[in-house]
Amino acid sequence: MPKDIHMLVSMINMKLRDDDMQLSHVLSIYDLDETEFMKRLDENEYFYDESTNQIKTK
């Protein structure tokens, strides 16, 4: 997994978009803990928008 938050967000958003997956499924594929992932997003001014199924900046 990319350590750079921007690369990580880009990769996850690509999977969400291109493979039409839900976030929980993508995270399970990469063996990422959802709580830790959401915390990391928040710490870096990102959030997951369920209505668009995308990670966005705050």
Protein backbone atom coordinates (compact mmCIF):
# COMPACT_ATOMS: atom_id res chain seq x y z
CA MET A 1 0.00 0.00 0.00
CA PRO A 2 1.23 3.49 -0.75
CA LYS A 3 2.37 5.40 2.31
CA ASP A 4 1.66 8.69 0.58
CA ILE A 5 -1.94 9.60 1.41
CA HIS A 6 -2.58 11.16 -2.00
CA MET A 7 -1.46 8.03 -3.82
CA LEU A 8 -3.51 5.87 -1.47
CA VAL A 9 -6.64 7.97 -2.03
CA SER A 10 -6.09 7.88 -5.77
CA MET A 11 -5.71 4.10 -5.77
CA ILE A 12 -8.79 3.51 -3.60
CA ASN A 13 -10.90 5.94 -5.63
CA MET A 14 -9.83 4.20 -8.82
CA LYS A 15 -11.03 0.85 -7.43
CA LEU A 16 -14.28 2.39 -6.23
CA ARG A 17 -14.92 3.91 -9.63
CA ASP A 18 -13.52 1.39 -12.11
CA ASP A 19 -14.59 -1.78 -10.34
CA ASP A 20 -17.82 -0.36 -8.92
CA MET A 21 -17.04 -1.58 -5.40
CA GLN A 22 -18.04 -0.42 -1.97
CA LEU A 23 -15.34 0.98 0.29
CA SER A 24 -15.55 -1.87 2.78
CA HIS A 25 -14.89 -4.38 0.00
CA VAL A 26 -11.90 -2.47 -1.36
CA LEU A 27 -10.42 -2.18 2.12
CA SER A 28 -10.85 -5.89 2.71
CA ILE A 29 -9.04 -6.69 -0.54
CA TYR A 30 -6.03 -4.72 0.69
CA ASP A 31 -6.41 -5.98 4.26
CA LEU A 32 -6.91 -2.46 5.62
CA ASP A 33 -8.72 -1.79 8.87
CA GLU A 34 -11.68 0.48 8.14
CA THR A 35 -11.44 2.41 11.41
CA GLU A 36 -7.73 3.10 10.95
CA PHE A 37 -8.27 4.02 7.32
CA MET A 38 -11.03 6.51 8.16
CA LYS A 39 -8.83 8.02 10.88
CA ARG A 40 -5.98 8.44 8.42
CA LEU A 41 -8.32 10.11 5.94
CA ASP A 42 -9.54 12.52 8.59
CA GLU A 43 -6.01 13.36 9.74
CA ASN A 44 -5.19 14.31 6.16
CA GLU A 45 -8.33 16.35 5.47
CA TYR A 46 -10.14 13.67 3.46
CA PHE A 47 -13.51 11.99 3.96
CA TYR A 48 -15.52 9.23 2.34
CA ASP A 49 -18.70 10.43 0.64
CA GLU A 50 -21.13 7.51 0.57
CA SER A 51 -23.54 9.23 -1.82
CA THR A 52 -20.91 9.42 -4.57
CA ASN A 53 -18.79 6.47 -3.39
CA GLN A 54 -15.66 8.63 -3.46
CA ILE A 55 -12.99 9.86 -1.12
CA LYS A 56 -12.87 13.65 -1.24
CA THR A 57 -11.03 16.52 0.38
CA LYS A 58 -12.73 18.43 3.16
